[in-house]
Amino acid sequence: MTLKLHDTMVREKRGFQPQDPKRITIYVCGPTVYNYAHIGNARPPVVFDVLRRLLMKTYGESSVLFARNITDIEDKIIKAALDTGEPIAVITKKYADIYNADMLALNVLAPTVEPWATGHVPEMIELITKLVRKDYAYTGKDGVWFSVAAMSDYGKLSGRKPGDNEAGARVEPGEDKRAPEDFALWKFAKPGEPEDAIWGSPWGRGRPGWHIECSAMAAKHLGRTLDIHAGGVDLTFPHHENEIAQSECAHGEIMARYWLHNGFLDMGGEKMSKSLGNVVLVHELLKEWPGEVIRFAMLSGHYRAPLDWTPELLKQAKTTLDRIYGALRRVWEAEGGKAAYRGIRDALEDDLNTPEALAELSGIASAANTAADQNDAAMMAATRADLLAAGELLGLLTMTPKEWEQGGDADDTARIDGLVAARISARAAKDWAEADRIRKALAEEGVEIMDGAGGSTWRRI
């Protein structure tokens, strides 16, 4: 099956054909690092990580170049620096480190390249200079602006038209834009702004606009035309639309051959917002749930559709993963099998149909249980290989069954191991009362002891 992806630009699924199969380029807009990331921020890295894994499996790991940027200069970051008195670099490093650790916990592969905006200001200035020289940009008293009217096909990604004030573009009091839809390429420094937020430029001291950052970083590391540009649907306009305007007007080439956008994540049917008090942070959620549970829940809905994020969704994800890991445990020792199952890959090649892929994964788990019930060594080895291959594509099943079922920290695991060993000794001595006492005590902690022909083991329930 040929990989098909829904291209926002043409509003339909298209067969994927890279420019160069040995160098496939993907750019995903990354975080603005001034605070913790909320769960909605995690959806793009998770779903497009699956795309990356699929492409790596198809074309080879070294053939996929994946960039995810860090926005470390922006109005919200400046405000955080002014509010806290901390240097911008301290704030951005702190939250970038937290973000990357959170994504690692969700089994998101580290990007091939992670460009930081502040490290690419010269490239941004060079890009703005081209736009000014080509009369796509002009200088005002507040900064340098892109003239939307100068681009004949502006709005082709989002369907927005120049002058469409419903898009949210408007002239702020005191701004000197020629038209409401014109956007900032360079913002002149304002009184009171910290010095570490200001750079020199041919037009005056200031900082780059948000949109120009991604245009410059993508071109620098991946080239003027990307294979795939991806991000949340909220970035379609104005961010991605403005990236296209800047990049294509400066370079005279299309910015990306495929544009992918994931849908919103809602909180129990409501939009996540601070005013509603329903913002869920990835960092806090990871204290309650394993990263694979969060990832599984994220993949349970099609990436282009809205996803209703609820406690019930997480509980169901945990229950399903418990069952799949339980099946993997039953065939864990049956090595030597070769992965041959195509169902999951076929599902992913149909515009990343992760709900179908997860259903296929559950089907393999059922087959593994059947093989174990029948003590079919060859089928046990085959289903083990299929489960692990599927997990590699989906970013799941990265633990051994024992690690998954026992969880916890090393000290707590050692303590429970000791209690299980004490129970085994009590049973050997026919001290049934002590053996029952230990079993009941562990059960109260949510630990189940499983006795079998090979001895006793345990898991958290």
Protein backbone atom coordinates (compact mmCIF):
# COMPACT_ATOMS: atom_id res chain seq x y z
CA MET A 1 0.00 0.00 0.00
CA THR A 2 1.27 3.50 -0.86
CA LEU A 3 1.33 6.05 1.94
CA LYS A 4 -1.47 8.57 1.54
CA LEU A 5 -1.62 11.80 3.52
CA HIS A 6 -4.34 14.44 3.75
CA ASP A 7 -2.76 17.60 2.36
CA THR A 8 -4.37 20.73 3.80
CA MET A 9 -3.31 22.70 0.74
CA VAL A 10 -5.43 20.62 -1.68
CA ARG A 11 -7.93 19.44 0.98
CA GLU A 12 -7.71 15.76 0.08
CA LYS A 13 -5.54 12.69 0.52
CA ARG A 14 -2.59 12.37 -1.83
CA GLY A 15 -0.04 9.64 -2.38
CA PHE A 16 3.25 10.61 -0.74
CA GLN A 17 6.19 11.05 -3.07
CA PRO A 18 9.35 12.53 -1.50
CA GLN A 19 11.66 14.83 -3.41
CA ASP A 20 14.57 12.58 -2.54
CA PRO A 21 13.88 9.15 -0.94
CA LYS A 22 17.29 9.35 0.70
CA ARG A 23 16.57 12.73 2.33
CA ILE A 24 12.97 13.18 3.45
CA THR A 25 12.45 16.46 5.29
CA ILE A 26 9.80 17.10 7.94
CA TYR A 27 9.33 20.30 9.93
CA VAL A 28 6.95 20.39 12.90
CA CYS A 29 6.37 23.64 14.77
CA GLY A 30 7.66 23.28 18.31
CA PRO A 31 6.93 24.95 21.64
CA THR A 32 7.24 28.54 22.81
CA VAL A 33 9.19 27.93 26.00
CA TYR A 34 7.95 30.22 28.74
CA ASN A 35 5.79 27.78 30.72
CA TYR A 36 4.80 24.12 30.98
CA ALA A 37 3.23 22.51 27.90
CA HIS A 38 -0.44 21.53 28.17
CA ILE A 39 -1.78 18.25 26.85
CA GLY A 40 -3.01 19.87 23.64
CA ASN A 41 0.58 20.91 22.89
CA ALA A 42 1.56 17.23 23.00
CA ARG A 43 -0.76 16.08 20.21
CA PRO A 44 1.37 17.28 17.24
CA PRO A 45 4.64 15.74 18.50
CA VAL A 46 2.93 12.42 19.27
CA VAL A 47 0.93 11.98 16.06
CA PHE A 48 3.67 13.21 13.75
CA ASP A 49 6.15 11.02 15.60
CA VAL A 50 4.11 8.08 14.28
CA LEU A 51 4.46 9.50 10.76
CA ARG A 52 8.19 9.81 11.26
CA ARG A 53 8.44 6.21 12.48
CA LEU A 54 6.47 5.00 9.47
CA LEU A 55 8.72 6.90 7.05
CA MET A 56 11.84 5.59 8.79
CA LYS A 57 10.50 2.05 8.45
CA THR A 58 9.76 2.61 4.76
CA TYR A 59 12.81 4.59 3.63
CA GLY A 60 15.39 3.86 6.35
CA GLU A 61 16.18 5.64 9.61
CA SER A 62 18.98 7.77 8.18
CA SER A 63 16.78 8.94 5.30
CA VAL A 64 14.36 10.97 7.44
CA LEU A 65 15.45 14.42 8.61
CA PHE A 66 13.04 15.68 11.26
CA ALA A 67 13.18 19.22 12.66
CA ARG A 68 11.19 20.60 15.59
CA ASN A 69 12.06 24.15 16.59
CA ILE A 70 12.23 25.92 19.92
CA THR A 71 10.70 29.40 19.96
CA ASP A 72 12.78 31.15 22.61
CA ILE A 73 12.02 34.77 21.79
CA GLU A 74 8.44 36.03 21.67
CA ASP A 75 6.16 38.47 23.48
CA LYS A 76 5.05 35.94 26.14
CA ILE A 77 8.66 35.08 26.91
CA ILE A 78 9.51 38.76 27.30
CA LYS A 79 6.56 39.20 29.64
CA ALA A 80 7.70 36.21 31.72
CA ALA A 81 11.18 37.73 31.99
CA LEU A 82 9.78 41.10 33.08
CA ASP A 83 7.40 39.47 35.58
CA THR A 84 10.02 37.20 37.17
CA GLY A 85 13.18 39.26 36.74
CA GLU A 86 14.95 36.20 35.34
CA PRO A 87 17.09 36.35 32.19
CA ILE A 88 15.32 35.07 29.10
CA ALA A 89 17.93 32.35 28.56
CA VAL A 90 17.27 30.95 32.05
CA ILE A 91 13.52 30.81 31.50
CA THR A 92 13.72 29.28 28.03
CA LYS A 93 16.31 26.64 28.95
CA LYS A 94 14.27 25.56 31.96
CA TYR A 95 11.05 25.05 30.03
CA ALA A 96 12.74 23.63 26.93
CA ASP A 97 14.39 20.99 29.11
CA ILE A 98 11.06 20.18 30.77
CA TYR A 99 9.31 20.00 27.40
CA ASN A 100 11.89 17.64 25.95
CA ALA A 101 11.79 15.43 29.04
CA ASP A 102 7.98 15.31 28.86
CA MET A 103 8.07 14.37 25.16
CA LEU A 104 10.66 11.67 25.88
CA ALA A 105 8.29 10.25 28.51
CA LEU A 106 5.62 10.06 25.78
CA ASN A 107 8.08 8.04 23.65
CA VAL A 108 8.46 10.87 21.13
CA LEU A 109 11.77 10.44 19.31
CA ALA A 110 14.20 13.33 19.71
CA PRO A 111 14.29 15.51 16.58
CA THR A 112 17.17 15.13 14.16
CA VAL A 113 17.73 18.85 14.56
CA GLU A 114 16.26 21.25 17.13
CA PRO A 115 16.88 24.82 15.99
CA TRP A 116 16.43 27.60 18.54
CA ALA A 117 15.10 30.89 17.22
CA THR A 118 17.71 33.06 18.96
CA GLY A 119 20.46 31.13 17.19
CA HIS A 120 19.10 32.08 13.76
CA VAL A 121 18.52 35.83 13.91
CA PRO A 122 21.07 36.51 11.12
CA GLU A 123 19.16 34.14 8.82
CA MET A 124 15.92 35.93 9.71
CA ILE A 125 17.43 39.30 8.91
CA GLU A 126 18.69 37.95 5.59
CA LEU A 127 15.20 36.67 4.74
CA ILE A 128 13.56 39.99 5.66
CA THR A 129 16.14 41.84 3.56
CA LYS A 130 15.11 39.79 0.51
CA LEU A 131 11.45 40.58 1.11
CA VAL A 132 12.14 44.30 1.44
CA ARG A 133 14.27 44.28 -1.71
CA LYS A 134 11.52 42.50 -3.66
CA ASP A 135 8.89 45.00 -2.41
CA TYR A 136 6.99 42.41 -0.39
CA ALA A 137 7.79 44.26 2.82
CA TYR A 138 7.99 47.84 4.04
CA THR A 139 9.32 49.70 7.06
CA GLY A 140 7.13 51.68 9.44
CA LYS A 141 7.73 53.38 12.75
CA ASP A 142 6.97 50.18 14.70
CA GLY A 143 8.95 47.74 12.59
CA VAL A 144 9.09 45.96 9.27
CA TRP A 145 5.81 44.61 7.87
CA PHE A 146 4.92 42.06 5.21
CA SER A 147 2.52 43.51 2.67
CA VAL A 148 -0.15 40.84 2.14
CA ALA A 149 -1.54 42.72 -0.87
CA ALA A 150 1.75 42.20 -2.68
CA MET A 151 1.23 38.42 -2.78
CA SER A 152 -1.39 37.46 -5.35
CA ASP A 153 -2.26 34.03 -3.91
CA TYR A 154 -2.10 34.83 -0.21
CA GLY A 155 -4.57 32.69 1.72
CA LYS A 156 -4.28 29.55 -0.42
CA LEU A 157 -3.62 27.26 2.56
CA SER A 158 -6.37 28.47 4.89
CA GLY A 159 -8.85 29.86 2.39
CA ARG A 160 -8.62 33.28 4.05
CA LYS A 161 -8.66 36.28 1.78
CA PRO A 162 -6.76 39.56 2.27
CA GLY A 163 -8.94 42.01 4.15
CA ASP A 164 -10.87 39.24 5.92
CA ASN A 165 -11.04 40.83 9.38
CA GLU A 166 -12.82 37.78 10.73
CA ALA A 167 -9.41 36.14 10.59
CA GLY A 168 -8.52 38.21 13.62
CA ALA A 169 -6.07 40.54 11.90
CA ARG A 170 -6.59 44.14 12.87
CA VAL A 171 -4.69 47.36 13.36
CA GLU A 172 -3.74 47.88 16.98
CA PRO A 173 -3.85 51.45 18.35
CA GLY A 174 -0.70 53.23 17.27
CA GLU A 175 0.35 50.64 14.71
CA ASP A 176 1.41 51.90 11.31
CA LYS A 177 0.45 48.98 9.08
CA ARG A 178 -0.84 49.81 5.62
CA ALA A 179 -3.55 47.14 5.93
CA PRO A 180 -5.06 45.17 8.84
CA GLU A 181 -3.81 41.83 7.50
CA ASP A 182 -0.15 42.90 7.16
CA PHE A 183 2.04 41.17 9.74
CA ALA A 184 5.32 41.88 11.51
CA LEU A 185 8.63 40.63 10.20
CA TRP A 186 10.71 42.74 12.60
CA LYS A 187 9.51 44.55 15.72
CA PHE A 188 11.38 47.59 16.96
CA ALA A 189 12.39 47.51 20.61
CA LYS A 190 10.07 49.21 23.08
CA PRO A 191 11.07 51.08 26.25
CA GLY A 192 11.52 48.77 29.21
CA GLU A 193 12.13 45.61 27.25
CA PRO A 194 15.11 43.54 28.48
CA GLU A 195 18.35 43.88 26.57
CA ASP A 196 18.53 40.12 25.98
CA ALA A 197 15.39 40.46 23.84
CA ILE A 198 16.96 42.99 21.46
CA TRP A 199 19.16 42.55 18.38
CA GLY A 200 20.60 44.96 15.89
CA SER A 201 19.32 45.04 12.31
CA PRO A 202 19.53 47.24 9.19
CA TRP A 203 16.17 48.78 10.21
CA GLY A 204 16.84 49.35 13.87
CA ARG A 205 17.18 47.54 17.19
CA GLY A 206 14.47 45.00 17.93
CA ARG A 207 13.52 41.35 17.47
CA PRO A 208 12.05 39.12 14.77
CA GLY A 209 8.35 38.44 14.35
CA TRP A 210 7.08 34.98 15.25
CA HIS A 211 6.32 33.82 11.70
CA ILE A 212 9.70 34.70 10.21
CA GLU A 213 11.44 32.49 12.77
CA CYS A 214 10.11 29.22 11.36
CA SER A 215 10.63 30.27 7.75
CA ALA A 216 14.31 30.98 8.41
CA MET A 217 14.97 27.90 10.55
CA ALA A 218 13.23 25.50 8.16
CA ALA A 219 15.16 26.81 5.15
CA LYS A 220 18.45 26.75 7.04
CA HIS A 221 18.26 23.13 8.15
CA LEU A 222 15.96 21.39 5.66
CA GLY A 223 16.05 23.48 2.50
CA ARG A 224 13.74 25.93 0.77
CA THR A 225 11.14 23.28 -0.10
CA LEU A 226 10.17 20.79 2.59
CA ASP A 227 8.60 17.43 1.96
CA ILE A 228 6.21 17.83 4.90
CA HIS A 229 5.31 20.74 7.15
CA ALA A 230 3.06 19.81 10.07
CA GLY A 231 1.44 21.25 13.18
CA GLY A 232 -1.83 21.87 14.94
CA VAL A 233 -4.87 23.07 13.02
CA ASP A 234 -4.73 26.34 14.98
CA LEU A 235 -1.47 27.14 13.18
CA THR A 236 -3.02 26.95 9.71
CA PHE A 237 -3.86 30.65 10.00
CA PRO A 238 -2.10 32.90 10.53
CA HIS A 239 1.19 31.15 11.30
CA HIS A 240 1.52 28.67 8.45
CA GLU A 241 -0.16 30.99 5.98
CA ASN A 242 2.37 33.68 6.84
CA GLU A 243 5.27 31.23 6.69
CA ILE A 244 4.21 30.39 3.13
CA ALA A 245 4.00 34.08 2.23
CA GLN A 246 7.46 34.89 3.56
CA SER A 247 9.22 31.80 2.25
CA GLU A 248 7.69 31.63 -1.20
CA CYS A 249 7.98 35.36 -1.89
CA ALA A 250 11.61 35.37 -0.78
CA HIS A 251 12.73 32.16 -2.50
CA GLY A 252 10.37 31.81 -5.46
CA GLU A 253 9.71 28.14 -4.55
CA ILE A 254 6.88 26.39 -2.74
CA MET A 255 7.61 26.04 0.95
CA ALA A 256 6.27 22.51 1.44
CA ARG A 257 4.91 19.77 -0.79
CA TYR A 258 2.53 18.44 1.89
CA TRP A 259 0.83 20.32 4.72
CA LEU A 260 -0.53 18.26 7.62
CA HIS A 261 -2.62 19.52 10.54
CA ASN A 262 -3.96 17.72 13.59
CA GLY A 263 -7.29 18.56 15.20
CA PHE A 264 -7.99 20.21 18.53
CA LEU A 265 -8.03 18.43 21.85
CA ASP A 266 -11.11 19.22 23.96
CA MET A 267 -11.63 18.73 27.68
CA GLY A 268 -14.87 16.84 28.17
CA GLY A 269 -16.50 18.66 25.26
CA GLU A 270 -15.15 22.08 26.24
CA LYS A 271 -12.27 23.99 24.79
CA MET A 272 -9.26 23.97 27.09
CA SER A 273 -8.67 27.44 28.53
CA LYS A 274 -7.34 29.13 31.64
CA SER A 275 -10.65 30.93 32.14
CA LEU A 276 -12.48 27.60 32.42
CA GLY A 277 -9.81 26.21 34.73
CA ASN A 278 -9.48 23.00 32.71
CA VAL A 279 -5.90 23.30 31.46
CA VAL A 280 -4.09 19.97 31.92
CA LEU A 281 -0.30 20.07 31.91
CA VAL A 282 1.70 17.18 30.45
CA HIS A 283 4.19 17.49 33.30
CA GLU A 284 1.47 16.96 35.92
CA LEU A 285 -0.34 14.24 33.97
CA LEU A 286 2.87 12.19 33.84
CA LYS A 287 2.85 12.05 37.63
CA GLU A 288 -0.47 10.18 37.49
CA TRP A 289 -0.18 8.07 34.35
CA PRO A 290 2.59 6.22 32.48
CA GLY A 291 3.68 8.03 29.35
CA GLU A 292 2.53 5.14 27.17
CA VAL A 293 -1.01 5.47 28.53
CA ILE A 294 -1.09 9.14 27.54
CA ARG A 295 0.35 8.31 24.13
CA PHE A 296 -2.14 5.46 23.57
CA ALA A 297 -5.02 7.77 24.51
CA MET A 298 -3.69 10.43 22.12
CA LEU A 299 -3.57 7.91 19.26
CA SER A 300 -7.04 6.52 19.96
CA GLY A 301 -8.61 9.24 17.79
CA HIS A 302 -7.74 10.07 14.19
CA TYR A 303 -5.20 12.87 14.16
CA ARG A 304 -7.29 15.19 11.98
CA ALA A 305 -10.41 14.87 14.14
CA PRO A 306 -11.06 16.60 17.47
CA LEU A 307 -10.23 14.41 20.47
CA ASP A 308 -12.28 14.57 23.67
CA TRP A 309 -9.75 14.25 26.49
CA THR A 310 -11.32 12.76 29.64
CA PRO A 311 -10.26 10.66 32.65
CA GLU A 312 -12.31 7.83 31.16
CA LEU A 313 -10.20 7.92 27.98
CA LEU A 314 -7.04 7.47 30.05
CA LYS A 315 -8.57 4.67 32.11
CA GLN A 316 -9.59 2.83 28.96
CA ALA A 317 -6.12 3.31 27.48
CA LYS A 318 -4.54 1.87 30.65
CA THR A 319 -6.91 -1.11 30.65
CA THR A 320 -6.19 -1.88 27.00
CA LEU A 321 -2.42 -1.56 27.43
CA ASP A 322 -2.58 -3.83 30.48
CA ARG A 323 -4.28 -6.47 28.34
CA ILE A 324 -1.77 -6.11 25.49
CA TYR A 325 1.22 -6.25 27.83
CA GLY A 326 -0.39 -9.26 29.52
CA ALA A 327 -0.55 -11.02 26.16
CA LEU A 328 3.06 -10.05 25.45
CA ARG A 329 4.10 -11.52 28.81
CA ARG A 330 2.57 -14.86 27.86
CA VAL A 331 4.68 -15.11 24.69
CA TRP A 332 7.72 -13.19 25.96
CA GLU A 333 10.06 -16.18 26.10
CA ALA A 334 9.09 -17.39 22.59
CA GLU A 335 11.92 -15.82 20.63
CA GLY A 336 12.93 -16.43 17.04
CA GLY A 337 9.72 -15.32 15.33
CA LYS A 338 9.66 -12.99 12.36
CA ALA A 339 7.21 -10.11 12.12
CA ALA A 340 4.91 -10.61 9.16
CA TYR A 341 1.65 -8.87 10.08
CA ARG A 342 0.74 -6.00 7.71
CA GLY A 343 -2.51 -4.75 9.23
CA ILE A 344 -1.04 -1.98 11.37
CA ARG A 345 1.22 -0.67 8.64
CA ASP A 346 -1.67 -0.66 6.16
CA ALA A 347 -3.76 1.35 8.62
CA LEU A 348 -1.01 3.91 9.16
CA GLU A 349 -0.37 4.24 5.44
CA ASP A 350 -3.98 5.37 5.08
CA ASP A 351 -3.43 8.90 6.41
CA LEU A 352 -2.15 7.73 9.80
CA ASN A 353 -5.31 5.87 10.81
CA THR A 354 -4.14 5.21 14.37
CA PRO A 355 -7.56 4.09 15.71
CA GLU A 356 -7.54 1.28 13.15
CA ALA A 357 -3.89 0.53 13.91
CA LEU A 358 -4.66 0.21 17.64
CA ALA A 359 -7.56 -2.12 16.84
CA GLU A 360 -5.16 -4.24 14.81
CA LEU A 361 -2.73 -4.23 17.74
CA SER A 362 -5.44 -5.55 20.03
CA GLY A 363 -6.12 -8.27 17.45
CA ILE A 364 -2.48 -9.39 17.56
CA ALA A 365 -2.69 -9.51 21.36
CA SER A 366 -5.74 -11.78 21.11
CA ALA A 367 -3.84 -14.03 18.71
CA ALA A 368 -0.94 -14.16 21.16
CA ASN A 369 -3.26 -15.25 23.97
CA THR A 370 -4.74 -17.95 21.74
CA ALA A 371 -1.26 -19.18 20.82
CA ALA A 372 -0.33 -19.31 24.51
CA ASP A 373 -3.54 -21.16 25.39
CA GLN A 374 -2.74 -23.76 22.74
CA ASN A 375 0.97 -23.84 23.62
CA ASP A 376 1.72 -23.27 19.92
CA ALA A 377 5.42 -22.39 20.05
CA ALA A 378 5.68 -21.19 16.45
CA MET A 379 2.60 -18.97 16.73
CA MET A 380 3.76 -17.63 20.08
CA ALA A 381 7.09 -16.58 18.53
CA ALA A 382 5.32 -15.03 15.54
CA THR A 383 2.85 -13.01 17.60
CA ARG A 384 5.64 -11.82 19.91
CA ALA A 385 7.54 -10.53 16.87
CA ASP A 386 4.39 -8.90 15.49
CA LEU A 387 3.61 -7.19 18.80
CA LEU A 388 7.10 -5.75 19.10
CA ALA A 389 7.18 -4.62 15.46
CA ALA A 390 3.79 -2.94 15.89
CA GLY A 391 4.97 -1.28 19.07
CA GLU A 392 8.01 0.10 17.28
CA LEU A 393 5.80 1.75 14.66
CA LEU A 394 3.35 3.16 17.19
CA GLY A 395 5.85 4.09 19.90
CA LEU A 396 4.29 1.59 22.31
CA LEU A 397 5.39 -1.59 24.10
CA THR A 398 8.78 -0.08 24.88
CA MET A 399 9.00 -1.82 28.26
CA THR A 400 9.31 -5.47 29.12
CA PRO A 401 6.05 -6.96 30.44
CA LYS A 402 7.61 -7.13 33.90
CA GLU A 403 8.62 -3.46 33.82
CA TRP A 404 5.12 -2.47 32.72
CA GLU A 405 3.28 -4.57 35.27
CA GLN A 406 5.50 -3.74 38.22
CA GLY A 407 6.28 -0.09 37.49
CA GLY A 408 7.22 2.15 40.43
CA ASP A 409 10.71 3.13 41.48
CA ALA A 410 13.56 0.73 42.06
CA ASP A 411 13.35 0.89 45.87
CA ASP A 412 9.63 0.14 45.91
CA THR A 413 10.06 -2.73 43.44
CA ALA A 414 12.81 -4.21 45.63
CA ARG A 415 10.55 -3.92 48.70
CA ILE A 416 7.70 -5.76 46.97
CA ASP A 417 10.10 -8.38 45.62
CA GLY A 418 11.21 -8.95 49.19
CA LEU A 419 7.63 -9.42 50.40
CA VAL A 420 6.87 -11.85 47.56
CA ALA A 421 10.03 -13.80 48.45
CA ALA A 422 8.95 -13.84 52.13
CA ARG A 423 5.56 -15.22 51.07
CA ILE A 424 7.25 -17.95 49.03
CA SER A 425 9.30 -18.89 52.12
CA ALA A 426 6.17 -18.90 54.29
CA ARG A 427 4.41 -21.20 51.82
CA ALA A 428 7.43 -23.52 51.76
CA ALA A 429 7.28 -23.66 55.55
CA LYS A 430 3.50 -24.24 55.32
CA ASP A 431 2.91 -21.05 57.30
CA TRP A 432 -0.32 -20.36 55.42
CA ALA A 433 -1.43 -17.60 57.77
CA GLU A 434 1.72 -15.54 57.09
CA ALA A 435 1.49 -16.21 53.36
CA ASP A 436 -2.13 -15.00 53.34
CA ARG A 437 -1.23 -11.96 55.43
CA ILE A 438 1.44 -10.89 52.91
CA ARG A 439 -0.92 -11.47 49.97
CA LYS A 440 -3.65 -9.37 51.60
CA ALA A 441 -1.23 -6.59 52.56
CA LEU A 442 0.04 -6.35 48.99
CA ALA A 443 -3.50 -6.48 47.60
CA GLU A 444 -4.36 -3.44 49.73
CA GLU A 445 -1.51 -1.63 47.94
CA GLY A 446 -2.93 -2.62 44.56
CA VAL A 447 -0.39 -5.42 43.99
CA GLU A 448 -1.56 -8.79 42.70
CA ILE A 449 0.56 -11.92 43.25
CA MET A 450 0.41 -14.47 40.44
CA ASP A 451 1.37 -18.07 41.25
CA GLY A 452 2.33 -20.39 38.42
CA ALA A 453 4.37 -23.44 37.53
CA GLY A 454 7.42 -21.23 37.08
CA GLY A 455 7.06 -19.62 40.50
CA SER A 456 5.41 -16.45 41.80
CA THR A 457 5.50 -13.00 40.27
CA TRP A 458 3.45 -9.84 40.79
CA ARG A 459 1.93 -6.85 39.06
CA ARG A 460 0.23 -3.59 39.93
CA ILE A 461 -3.51 -3.51 39.29
